[in-house]
Amino acid sequence: MEMQRIRKGDEVIVITGRDKGKKGTVTAVHDDGKVVVEGINIVKKHVKPNPMLGQAGGIMDKTLPIEGSNVMLVNPKTGKGDRVGYKVVDGKKVRVFKSDGAVVGAKA
């Protein structure tokens, strides 16, 4: 299994598309390279009522996945999107920000 540049719980910024410039937290990562980001790519979905499940009908808001290449990890130091690379630190492969070499998720 290959290490992923963007993981669940990461803070990301959208770099292209309808929600460009918005920040959010990754809630899920799909195998096809798409990510679900909280508050990003929300669409209106018409839902039929289902009395068997106790589900009301109407127009619901649904969060759809966005392509992983359309988001960037946010560097907490700068507050901007940053590219991610890999480095071996203390015998472990870790993600690092390309701009300053800081380890992703490390406490400063």
PDB file of N, CA and C in Angstrom:
ATOM      1  N   MET A   1       0.839  -1.197   0.000  1.00  0.00           N
ATOM      2  CA  MET A   1       0.000   0.000   0.000  1.00  0.00           C
ATOM      3  C   MET A   1       0.878   1.253   0.000  1.00  0.00           C
ATOM      4  N   GLU A   2       0.562   2.147  -0.886  1.00  0.00           N
ATOM      5  CA  GLU A   2       1.356   3.363  -1.025  1.00  0.00           C
ATOM      6  C   GLU A   2       0.889   4.417  -0.021  1.00  0.00           C
ATOM      7  N   MET A   3       1.831   5.197   0.464  1.00  0.00           N
ATOM      8  CA  MET A   3       1.492   6.277   1.398  1.00  0.00           C
ATOM      9  C   MET A   3       0.738   7.371   0.644  1.00  0.00           C
ATOM     10  N   GLN A   4      -0.299   7.907   1.274  1.00  0.00           N
ATOM     11  CA  GLN A   4      -1.116   8.920   0.612  1.00  0.00           C
ATOM     12  C   GLN A   4      -0.701  10.322   1.042  1.00  0.00           C
ATOM     13  N   ARG A   5      -0.706  11.218   0.073  1.00  0.00           N
ATOM     14  CA  ARG A   5      -0.326  12.596   0.369  1.00  0.00           C
ATOM     15  C   ARG A   5      -1.401  13.313   1.173  1.00  0.00           C
ATOM     16  N   ILE A   6      -2.664  12.974   0.898  1.00  0.00           N
ATOM     17  CA  ILE A   6      -3.776  13.574   1.644  1.00  0.00           C
ATOM     18  C   ILE A   6      -4.496  12.464   2.384  1.00  0.00           C
ATOM     19  N   ARG A   7      -4.696  12.677   3.670  1.00  0.00           N
ATOM     20  CA  ARG A   7      -5.321  11.660   4.515  1.00  0.00           C
ATOM     21  C   ARG A   7      -6.528  12.238   5.240  1.00  0.00           C
ATOM     22  N   LYS A   8      -7.328  11.350   5.798  1.00  0.00           N
ATOM     23  CA  LYS A   8      -8.495  11.742   6.584  1.00  0.00           C
ATOM     24  C   LYS A   8      -8.031  12.600   7.760  1.00  0.00           C
ATOM     25  N   GLY A   9      -8.735  13.711   7.987  1.00  0.00           N
ATOM     26  CA  GLY A   9      -8.393  14.601   9.097  1.00  0.00           C
ATOM     27  C   GLY A   9      -7.474  15.744   8.714  1.00  0.00           C
ATOM     28  N   ASP A  10      -6.919  15.719   7.491  1.00  0.00           N
ATOM     29  CA  ASP A  10      -6.034  16.799   7.034  1.00  0.00           C
ATOM     30  C   ASP A  10      -6.833  18.053   6.723  1.00  0.00           C
ATOM     31  N   GLU A  11      -6.215  19.214   6.956  1.00  0.00           N
ATOM     32  CA  GLU A  11      -6.794  20.503   6.585  1.00  0.00           C
ATOM     33  C   GLU A  11      -6.345  20.811   5.168  1.00  0.00           C
ATOM     34  N   VAL A  12      -7.299  21.015   4.252  1.00  0.00           N
ATOM     35  CA  VAL A  12      -6.960  21.258   2.848  1.00  0.00           C
ATOM     36  C   VAL A  12      -7.623  22.532   2.337  1.00  0.00           C
ATOM     37  N   ILE A  13      -7.094  23.037   1.219  1.00  0.00           N
ATOM     38  CA  ILE A  13      -7.680  24.187   0.534  1.00  0.00           C
ATOM     39  C   ILE A  13      -7.950  23.771  -0.910  1.00  0.00           C
ATOM     40  N   VAL A  14      -9.093  24.206  -1.444  1.00  0.00           N
ATOM     41  CA  VAL A  14      -9.457  23.871  -2.822  1.00  0.00           C
ATOM     42  C   VAL A  14      -8.738  24.845  -3.748  1.00  0.00           C
ATOM     43  N   ILE A  15      -8.052  24.305  -4.770  1.00  0.00           N
ATOM     44  CA  ILE A  15      -7.246  25.160  -5.648  1.00  0.00           C
ATOM     45  C   ILE A  15      -7.896  25.430  -6.993  1.00  0.00           C
ATOM     46  N   THR A  16      -8.972  24.716  -7.323  1.00  0.00           N
ATOM     47  CA  THR A  16      -9.646  24.957  -8.597  1.00  0.00           C
ATOM     48  C   THR A  16     -11.099  24.528  -8.502  1.00  0.00           C
ATOM     49  N   GLY A  17     -11.911  25.067  -9.385  1.00  0.00           N
ATOM     50  CA  GLY A  17     -13.327  24.687  -9.425  1.00  0.00           C
ATOM     51  C   GLY A  17     -14.235  25.681  -8.732  1.00  0.00           C
ATOM     52  N   ARG A  18     -15.470  25.271  -8.536  1.00  0.00           N
ATOM     53  CA  ARG A  18     -16.522  26.125  -7.992  1.00  0.00           C
ATOM     54  C   ARG A  18     -16.216  26.617  -6.578  1.00  0.00           C
ATOM     55  N   ASP A  19     -15.557  25.783  -5.776  1.00  0.00           N
ATOM     56  CA  ASP A  19     -15.277  26.126  -4.379  1.00  0.00           C
ATOM     57  C   ASP A  19     -13.843  26.601  -4.157  1.00  0.00           C
ATOM     58  N   LYS A  20     -13.201  27.131  -5.210  1.00  0.00           N
ATOM     59  CA  LYS A  20     -11.809  27.573  -5.131  1.00  0.00           C
ATOM     60  C   LYS A  20     -11.589  28.546  -3.966  1.00  0.00           C
ATOM     61  N   GLY A  21     -10.531  28.289  -3.198  1.00  0.00           N
ATOM     62  CA  GLY A  21     -10.177  29.170  -2.089  1.00  0.00           C
ATOM     63  C   GLY A  21     -10.763  28.760  -0.754  1.00  0.00           C
ATOM     64  N   LYS A  22     -11.709  27.840  -0.745  1.00  0.00           N
ATOM     65  CA  LYS A  22     -12.330  27.412   0.506  1.00  0.00           C
ATOM     66  C   LYS A  22     -11.463  26.376   1.204  1.00  0.00           C
ATOM     67  N   LYS A  23     -11.482  26.417   2.546  1.00  0.00           N
ATOM     68  CA  LYS A  23     -10.728  25.451   3.343  1.00  0.00           C
ATOM     69  C   LYS A  23     -11.690  24.505   4.040  1.00  0.00           C
ATOM     70  N   GLY A  24     -11.228  23.296   4.308  1.00  0.00           N
ATOM     71  CA  GLY A  24     -12.044  22.322   5.016  1.00  0.00           C
ATOM     72  C   GLY A  24     -11.214  21.132   5.465  1.00  0.00           C
ATOM     73  N   THR A  25     -11.857  20.256   6.222  1.00  0.00           N
ATOM     74  CA  THR A  25     -11.199  19.062   6.738  1.00  0.00           C
ATOM     75  C   THR A  25     -11.630  17.852   5.931  1.00  0.00           C
ATOM     76  N   VAL A  26     -10.692  16.987   5.587  1.00  0.00           N
ATOM     77  CA  VAL A  26     -10.990  15.772   4.828  1.00  0.00           C
ATOM     78  C   VAL A  26     -11.720  14.791   5.745  1.00  0.00           C
ATOM     79  N   THR A  27     -12.912  14.335   5.304  1.00  0.00           N
ATOM     80  CA  THR A  27     -13.682  13.383   6.100  1.00  0.00           C
ATOM     81  C   THR A  27     -13.549  11.961   5.569  1.00  0.00           C
ATOM     82  N   ALA A  28     -13.175  11.809   4.288  1.00  0.00           N
ATOM     83  CA  ALA A  28     -13.006  10.476   3.710  1.00  0.00           C
ATOM     84  C   ALA A  28     -12.096  10.558   2.490  1.00  0.00           C
ATOM     85  N   VAL A  29     -11.347   9.475   2.249  1.00  0.00           N
ATOM     86  CA  VAL A  29     -10.496   9.365   1.070  1.00  0.00           C
ATOM     87  C   VAL A  29     -10.895   8.089   0.335  1.00  0.00           C
ATOM     88  N   HIS A  30     -11.251   8.222  -0.947  1.00  0.00           N
ATOM     89  CA  HIS A  30     -11.667   7.072  -1.752  1.00  0.00           C
ATOM     90  C   HIS A  30     -10.471   6.468  -2.484  1.00  0.00           C
ATOM     91  N   ASP A  31     -10.614   5.197  -2.880  1.00  0.00           N
ATOM     92  CA  ASP A  31      -9.533   4.495  -3.576  1.00  0.00           C
ATOM     93  C   ASP A  31      -9.240   5.078  -4.957  1.00  0.00           C
ATOM     94  N   ASP A  32     -10.243   5.738  -5.565  1.00  0.00           N
ATOM     95  CA  ASP A  32     -10.054   6.278  -6.913  1.00  0.00           C
ATOM     96  C   ASP A  32      -9.411   7.666  -6.908  1.00  0.00           C
ATOM     97  N   GLY A  33      -8.887   8.103  -5.754  1.00  0.00           N
ATOM     98  CA  GLY A  33      -8.182   9.377  -5.681  1.00  0.00           C
ATOM     99  C   GLY A  33      -9.064  10.563  -5.339  1.00  0.00           C
ATOM    100  N   LYS A  34     -10.331  10.317  -5.057  1.00  0.00           N
ATOM    101  CA  LYS A  34     -11.230  11.412  -4.692  1.00  0.00           C
ATOM    102  C   LYS A  34     -11.289  11.552  -3.180  1.00  0.00           C
ATOM    103  N   VAL A  35     -11.535  12.774  -2.728  1.00  0.00           N
ATOM    104  CA  VAL A  35     -11.634  13.038  -1.294  1.00  0.00           C
ATOM    105  C   VAL A  35     -12.939  13.763  -0.993  1.00  0.00           C
ATOM    106  N   VAL A  36     -13.501  13.488   0.179  1.00  0.00           N
ATOM    107  CA  VAL A  36     -14.693  14.191   0.640  1.00  0.00           C
ATOM    108  C   VAL A  36     -14.227  15.216   1.660  1.00  0.00           C
ATOM    109  N   VAL A  37     -14.541  16.493   1.403  1.00  0.00           N
ATOM    110  CA  VAL A  37     -14.108  17.575   2.278  1.00  0.00           C
ATOM    111  C   VAL A  37     -15.338  18.236   2.893  1.00  0.00           C
ATOM    112  N   GLU A  38     -15.285  18.428   4.198  1.00  0.00           N
ATOM    113  CA  GLU A  38     -16.388  19.028   4.951  1.00  0.00           C
ATOM    114  C   GLU A  38     -16.711  20.421   4.416  1.00  0.00           C
ATOM    115  N   GLY A  39     -17.961  20.629   3.991  1.00  0.00           N
ATOM    116  CA  GLY A  39     -18.411  21.944   3.536  1.00  0.00           C
ATOM    117  C   GLY A  39     -18.030  22.293   2.109  1.00  0.00           C
ATOM    118  N   ILE A  40     -17.441  21.346   1.368  1.00  0.00           N
ATOM    119  CA  ILE A  40     -17.013  21.591  -0.014  1.00  0.00           C
ATOM    120  C   ILE A  40     -17.810  20.685  -0.952  1.00  0.00           C
ATOM    121  N   ASN A  41     -18.139  21.202  -2.149  1.00  0.00           N
ATOM    122  CA  ASN A  41     -18.855  20.453  -3.185  1.00  0.00           C
ATOM    123  C   ASN A  41     -20.215  19.952  -2.687  1.00  0.00           C
ATOM    124  N   ILE A  42     -20.968  20.856  -2.082  1.00  0.00           N
ATOM    125  CA  ILE A  42     -22.306  20.518  -1.586  1.00  0.00           C
ATOM    126  C   ILE A  42     -23.319  20.743  -2.706  1.00  0.00           C
ATOM    127  N   VAL A  43     -24.174  19.733  -2.934  1.00  0.00           N
ATOM    128  CA  VAL A  43     -25.194  19.823  -3.975  1.00  0.00           C
ATOM    129  C   VAL A  43     -26.570  19.573  -3.372  1.00  0.00           C
ATOM    130  N   LYS A  44     -27.592  20.019  -4.079  1.00  0.00           N
ATOM    131  CA  LYS A  44     -28.975  19.770  -3.677  1.00  0.00           C
ATOM    132  C   LYS A  44     -29.411  18.449  -4.296  1.00  0.00           C
ATOM    133  N   LYS A  45     -29.940  17.556  -3.489  1.00  0.00           N
ATOM    134  CA  LYS A  45     -30.356  16.234  -3.961  1.00  0.00           C
ATOM    135  C   LYS A  45     -31.837  16.065  -3.637  1.00  0.00           C
ATOM    136  N   HIS A  46     -32.634  15.746  -4.659  1.00  0.00           N
ATOM    137  CA  HIS A  46     -34.059  15.515  -4.458  1.00  0.00           C
ATOM    138  C   HIS A  46     -34.244  14.086  -3.963  1.00  0.00           C
ATOM    139  N   VAL A  47     -34.863  13.934  -2.790  1.00  0.00           N
ATOM    140  CA  VAL A  47     -34.983  12.624  -2.160  1.00  0.00           C
ATOM    141  C   VAL A  47     -36.456  12.254  -2.023  1.00  0.00           C
ATOM    142  N   LYS A  48     -36.795  11.033  -2.444  1.00  0.00           N
ATOM    143  CA  LYS A  48     -38.152  10.522  -2.277  1.00  0.00           C
ATOM    144  C   LYS A  48     -38.343  10.084  -0.830  1.00  0.00           C
ATOM    145  N   PRO A  49     -39.534  10.267  -0.284  1.00  0.00           N
ATOM    146  CA  PRO A  49     -39.761   9.772   1.074  1.00  0.00           C
ATOM    147  C   PRO A  49     -39.756   8.245   1.093  1.00  0.00           C
ATOM    148  N   ASN A  50     -39.235   7.664   2.176  1.00  0.00           N
ATOM    149  CA  ASN A  50     -39.222   6.219   2.345  1.00  0.00           C
ATOM    150  C   ASN A  50     -39.793   5.896   3.729  1.00  0.00           C
ATOM    151  N   PRO A  51     -41.114   5.593   3.788  1.00  0.00           N
ATOM    152  CA  PRO A  51     -41.739   5.354   5.089  1.00  0.00           C
ATOM    153  C   PRO A  51     -41.156   4.120   5.808  1.00  0.00           C
ATOM    154  N   MET A  52     -40.633   3.174   5.058  1.00  0.00           N
ATOM    155  CA  MET A  52     -40.049   1.976   5.667  1.00  0.00           C
ATOM    156  C   MET A  52     -38.826   2.326   6.527  1.00  0.00           C
ATOM    157  N   LEU A  53     -38.075   3.328   6.090  1.00  0.00           N
ATOM    158  CA  LEU A  53     -36.891   3.755   6.844  1.00  0.00           C
ATOM    159  C   LEU A  53     -37.170   4.985   7.707  1.00  0.00           C
ATOM    160  N   GLY A  54     -38.395   5.494   7.622  1.00  0.00           N
ATOM    161  CA  GLY A  54     -38.745   6.708   8.370  1.00  0.00           C
ATOM    162  C   GLY A  54     -38.040   7.932   7.805  1.00  0.00           C
ATOM    163  N   GLN A  55     -37.779   7.914   6.507  1.00  0.00           N
ATOM    164  CA  GLN A  55     -37.035   8.989   5.846  1.00  0.00           C
ATOM    165  C   GLN A  55     -38.007   9.963   5.187  1.00  0.00           C
ATOM    166  N   ALA A  56     -37.878  11.241   5.517  1.00  0.00           N
ATOM    167  CA  ALA A  56     -38.733  12.262   4.914  1.00  0.00           C
ATOM    168  C   ALA A  56     -38.207  12.619   3.532  1.00  0.00           C
ATOM    169  N   GLY A  57     -39.103  13.028   2.643  1.00  0.00           N
ATOM    170  CA  GLY A  57     -38.697  13.439   1.312  1.00  0.00           C
ATOM    171  C   GLY A  57     -38.350  14.909   1.296  1.00  0.00           C
ATOM    172  N   GLY A  58     -37.923  15.390   0.138  1.00  0.00           N
ATOM    173  CA  GLY A  58     -37.621  16.809  -0.007  1.00  0.00           C
ATOM    174  C   GLY A  58     -36.277  17.022  -0.668  1.00  0.00           C
ATOM    175  N   ILE A  59     -35.763  18.230  -0.514  1.00  0.00           N
ATOM    176  CA  ILE A  59     -34.473  18.594  -1.105  1.00  0.00           C
ATOM    177  C   ILE A  59     -33.431  18.611   0.003  1.00  0.00           C
ATOM    178  N   MET A  60     -32.459  17.719  -0.113  1.00  0.00           N
ATOM    179  CA  MET A  60     -31.421  17.596   0.911  1.00  0.00           C
ATOM    180  C   MET A  60     -30.087  18.122   0.375  1.00  0.00           C
ATOM    181  N   ASP A  61     -29.230  18.590   1.292  1.00  0.00           N
ATOM    182  CA  ASP A  61     -27.865  18.957   0.932  1.00  0.00           C
ATOM    183  C   ASP A  61     -26.995  17.721   1.073  1.00  0.00           C
ATOM    184  N   LYS A  62     -26.176  17.452   0.048  1.00  0.00           N
ATOM    185  CA  LYS A  62     -25.306  16.280   0.072  1.00  0.00           C
ATOM    186  C   LYS A  62     -23.899  16.704  -0.308  1.00  0.00           C
ATOM    187  N   THR A  63     -22.909  16.190   0.418  1.00  0.00           N
ATOM    188  CA  THR A  63     -21.514  16.481   0.109  1.00  0.00           C
ATOM    189  C   THR A  63     -20.970  15.395  -0.807  1.00  0.00           C
ATOM    190  N   LEU A  64     -20.525  15.784  -1.988  1.00  0.00           N
ATOM    191  CA  LEU A  64     -19.968  14.836  -2.954  1.00  0.00           C
ATOM    192  C   LEU A  64     -18.437  14.885  -2.931  1.00  0.00           C
ATOM    193  N   PRO A  65     -17.786  13.802  -3.380  1.00  0.00           N
ATOM    194  CA  PRO A  65     -16.318  13.802  -3.418  1.00  0.00           C
ATOM    195  C   PRO A  65     -15.777  14.789  -4.457  1.00  0.00           C
ATOM    196  N   ILE A  66     -14.560  15.244  -4.229  1.00  0.00           N
ATOM    197  CA  ILE A  66     -13.861  16.135  -5.156  1.00  0.00           C
ATOM    198  C   ILE A  66     -12.543  15.451  -5.516  1.00  0.00           C
ATOM    199  N   GLU A  67     -12.063  15.700  -6.717  1.00  0.00           N
ATOM    200  CA  GLU A  67     -10.814  15.071  -7.170  1.00  0.00           C
ATOM    201  C   GLU A  67      -9.658  15.492  -6.251  1.00  0.00           C
ATOM    202  N   GLY A  68      -8.838  14.533  -5.861  1.00  0.00           N
ATOM    203  CA  GLY A  68      -7.732  14.792  -4.940  1.00  0.00           C
ATOM    204  C   GLY A  68      -6.711  15.773  -5.476  1.00  0.00           C
ATOM    205  N   SER A  69      -6.590  15.846  -6.804  1.00  0.00           N
ATOM    206  CA  SER A  69      -5.622  16.775  -7.402  1.00  0.00           C
ATOM    207  C   SER A  69      -6.107  18.224  -7.331  1.00  0.00           C
ATOM    208  N   ASN A  70      -7.362  18.421  -6.955  1.00  0.00           N
ATOM    209  CA  ASN A  70      -7.918  19.772  -6.879  1.00  0.00           C
ATOM    210  C   ASN A  70      -7.832  20.374  -5.481  1.00  0.00           C
ATOM    211  N   VAL A  71      -7.177  19.669  -4.564  1.00  0.00           N
ATOM    212  CA  VAL A  71      -6.987  20.200  -3.212  1.00  0.00           C
ATOM    213  C   VAL A  71      -5.508  20.144  -2.853  1.00  0.00           C
ATOM    214  N   MET A  72      -5.104  21.041  -1.937  1.00  0.00           N
ATOM    215  CA  MET A  72      -3.729  21.083  -1.435  1.00  0.00           C
ATOM    216  C   MET A  72      -3.766  21.102   0.076  1.00  0.00           C
ATOM    217  N   LEU A  73      -2.780  20.466   0.686  1.00  0.00           N
ATOM    218  CA  LEU A  73      -2.648  20.490   2.134  1.00  0.00           C
ATOM    219  C   LEU A  73      -2.315  21.910   2.580  1.00  0.00           C
ATOM    220  N   VAL A  74      -2.916  22.358   3.684  1.00  0.00           N
ATOM    221  CA  VAL A  74      -2.650  23.698   4.203  1.00  0.00           C
ATOM    222  C   VAL A  74      -1.482  23.623   5.187  1.00  0.00           C
ATOM    223  N   ASN A  75      -0.475  24.466   4.946  1.00  0.00           N
ATOM    224  CA  ASN A  75       0.665  24.571   5.852  1.00  0.00           C
ATOM    225  C   ASN A  75       0.256  25.484   7.005  1.00  0.00           C
ATOM    226  N   PRO A  76       0.225  24.974   8.251  1.00  0.00           N
ATOM    227  CA  PRO A  76      -0.244  25.801   9.372  1.00  0.00           C
ATOM    228  C   PRO A  76       0.610  27.043   9.625  1.00  0.00           C
ATOM    229  N   LYS A  77       1.888  27.014   9.245  1.00  0.00           N
ATOM    230  CA  LYS A  77       2.761  28.177   9.452  1.00  0.00           C
ATOM    231  C   LYS A  77       2.365  29.351   8.562  1.00  0.00           C
ATOM    232  N   THR A  78       2.072  29.041   7.285  1.00  0.00           N
ATOM    233  CA  THR A  78       1.761  30.098   6.324  1.00  0.00           C
ATOM    234  C   THR A  78       0.259  30.284   6.121  1.00  0.00           C
ATOM    235  N   GLY A  79      -0.518  29.231   6.382  1.00  0.00           N
ATOM    236  CA  GLY A  79      -1.966  29.290   6.147  1.00  0.00           C
ATOM    237  C   GLY A  79      -2.325  29.134   4.682  1.00  0.00           C
ATOM    238  N   LYS A  80      -1.329  28.775   3.859  1.00  0.00           N
ATOM    239  CA  LYS A  80      -1.546  28.609   2.425  1.00  0.00           C
ATOM    240  C   LYS A  80      -1.390  27.142   2.023  1.00  0.00           C
ATOM    241  N   GLY A  81      -1.853  26.820   0.803  1.00  0.00           N
ATOM    242  CA  GLY A  81      -1.699  25.471   0.280  1.00  0.00           C
ATOM    243  C   GLY A  81      -0.234  25.179  -0.008  1.00  0.00           C
ATOM    244  N   ASP A  82       0.162  23.932   0.225  1.00  0.00           N
ATOM    245  CA  ASP A  82       1.556  23.564   0.035  1.00  0.00           C
ATOM    246  C   ASP A  82       1.648  22.159  -0.551  1.00  0.00           C
ATOM    247  N   ARG A  83       2.686  21.934  -1.367  1.00  0.00           N
ATOM    248  CA  ARG A  83       2.907  20.600  -1.921  1.00  0.00           C
ATOM    249  C   ARG A  83       3.522  19.706  -0.850  1.00  0.00           C
ATOM    250  N   VAL A  84       3.353  18.398  -1.037  1.00  0.00           N
ATOM    251  CA  VAL A  84       3.817  17.442  -0.027  1.00  0.00           C
ATOM    252  C   VAL A  84       4.812  16.474  -0.647  1.00  0.00           C
ATOM    253  N   GLY A  85       5.896  16.212   0.083  1.00  0.00           N
ATOM    254  CA  GLY A  85       6.883  15.225  -0.327  1.00  0.00           C
ATOM    255  C   GLY A  85       7.102  14.243   0.807  1.00  0.00           C
ATOM    256  N   TYR A  86       8.078  13.351   0.640  1.00  0.00           N
ATOM    257  CA  TYR A  86       8.361  12.352   1.667  1.00  0.00           C
ATOM    258  C   TYR A  86       9.819  12.417   2.084  1.00  0.00           C
ATOM    259  N   LYS A  87      10.073  12.046   3.331  1.00  0.00           N
ATOM    260  CA  LYS A  87      11.416  12.036   3.868  1.00  0.00           C
ATOM    261  C   LYS A  87      11.472  10.941   4.926  1.00  0.00           C
ATOM    262  N   VAL A  88      12.625  10.317   5.099  1.00  0.00           N
ATOM    263  CA  VAL A  88      12.782   9.323   6.156  1.00  0.00           C
ATOM    264  C   VAL A  88      13.364  10.025   7.377  1.00  0.00           C
ATOM    265  N   VAL A  89      12.600  10.016   8.488  1.00  0.00           N
ATOM    266  CA  VAL A  89      13.033  10.643   9.738  1.00  0.00           C
ATOM    267  C   VAL A  89      12.990   9.576  10.829  1.00  0.00           C
ATOM    268  N   ASP A  90      14.122   9.338  11.477  1.00  0.00           N
ATOM    269  CA  ASP A  90      14.242   8.327  12.544  1.00  0.00           C
ATOM    270  C   ASP A  90      13.757   6.952  12.077  1.00  0.00           C
ATOM    271  N   GLY A  91      14.078   6.594  10.831  1.00  0.00           N
ATOM    272  CA  GLY A  91      13.717   5.284  10.301  1.00  0.00           C
ATOM    273  C   GLY A  91      12.273   5.161   9.859  1.00  0.00           C
ATOM    274  N   LYS A  92      11.511   6.263   9.901  1.00  0.00           N
ATOM    275  CA  LYS A  92      10.114   6.233   9.464  1.00  0.00           C
ATOM    276  C   LYS A  92       9.922   7.180   8.296  1.00  0.00           C
ATOM    277  N   LYS A  93       9.107   6.750   7.337  1.00  0.00           N
ATOM    278  CA  LYS A  93       8.793   7.586   6.184  1.00  0.00           C
ATOM    279  C   LYS A  93       7.684   8.545   6.596  1.00  0.00           C
ATOM    280  N   VAL A  94       7.930   9.845   6.478  1.00  0.00           N
ATOM    281  CA  VAL A  94       6.946  10.850   6.888  1.00  0.00           C
ATOM    282  C   VAL A  94       6.671  11.830   5.751  1.00  0.00           C
ATOM    283  N   ARG A  95       5.521  12.490   5.840  1.00  0.00           N
ATOM    284  CA  ARG A  95       5.174  13.530   4.861  1.00  0.00           C
ATOM    285  C   ARG A  95       5.787  14.844   5.311  1.00  0.00           C
ATOM    286  N   VAL A  96       6.334  15.607   4.359  1.00  0.00           N
ATOM    287  CA  VAL A  96       6.919  16.912   4.664  1.00  0.00           C
ATOM    288  C   VAL A  96       6.402  17.949   3.662  1.00  0.00           C
ATOM    289  N   PHE A  97       6.322  19.191   4.124  1.00  0.00           N
ATOM    290  CA  PHE A  97       5.938  20.288   3.235  1.00  0.00           C
ATOM    291  C   PHE A  97       7.131  20.648   2.372  1.00  0.00           C
ATOM    292  N   LYS A  98       6.891  20.855   1.060  1.00  0.00           N
ATOM    293  CA  LYS A  98       7.967  21.158   0.117  1.00  0.00           C
ATOM    294  C   LYS A  98       8.579  22.537   0.368  1.00  0.00           C
ATOM    295  N   SER A  99       7.773  23.509   0.841  1.00  0.00           N
ATOM    296  CA  SER A  99       8.271  24.878   0.965  1.00  0.00           C
ATOM    297  C   SER A  99       9.289  25.032   2.082  1.00  0.00           C
ATOM    298  N   ASP A 100       9.047  24.419   3.248  1.00  0.00           N
ATOM    299  CA  ASP A 100       9.959  24.614   4.367  1.00  0.00           C
ATOM    300  C   ASP A 100      10.519  23.319   4.964  1.00  0.00           C
ATOM    301  N   GLY A 101      10.094  22.165   4.431  1.00  0.00           N
ATOM    302  CA  GLY A 101      10.625  20.890   4.910  1.00  0.00           C
ATOM    303  C   GLY A 101      10.088  20.438   6.246  1.00  0.00           C
ATOM    304  N   ALA A 102       9.073  21.142   6.772  1.00  0.00           N
ATOM    305  CA  ALA A 102       8.487  20.766   8.059  1.00  0.00           C
ATOM    306  C   ALA A 102       7.656  19.497   7.921  1.00  0.00           C
ATOM    307  N   VAL A 103       7.680  18.673   8.959  1.00  0.00           N
ATOM    308  CA  VAL A 103       6.920  17.429   8.940  1.00  0.00           C
ATOM    309  C   VAL A 103       5.440  17.742   9.083  1.00  0.00           C
ATOM    310  N   VAL A 104       4.601  17.092   8.247  1.00  0.00           N
ATOM    311  CA  VAL A 104       3.147  17.305   8.284  1.00  0.00           C
ATOM    312  C   VAL A 104       2.595  16.737   9.576  1.00  0.00           C
ATOM    313  N   GLY A 105       1.831  17.556  10.307  1.00  0.00           N
ATOM    314  CA  GLY A 105       1.189  17.099  11.533  1.00  0.00           C
ATOM    315  C   GLY A 105       2.075  17.139  12.757  1.00  0.00           C
ATOM    316  N   ALA A 106       3.329  17.608  12.615  1.00  0.00           N
ATOM    317  CA  ALA A 106       4.226  17.694  13.771  1.00  0.00           C
ATOM    318  C   ALA A 106       3.837  18.899  14.618  1.00  0.00           C
ATOM    319  N   LYS A 107       3.921  18.716  15.908  1.00  0.00           N
ATOM    320  CA  LYS A 107       3.623  19.815  16.834  1.00  0.00           C
ATOM    321  C   LYS A 107       4.815  20.758  16.876  1.00  0.00           C
ATOM    322  N   ALA A 108       4.564  22.038  16.632  1.00  0.00           N
ATOM    323  CA  ALA A 108       5.659  23.013  16.551  1.00  0.00           C
ATOM    324  C   ALA A 108       6.184  23.418  17.896  1.00  0.00           C
TER     325      ALA A 108
END
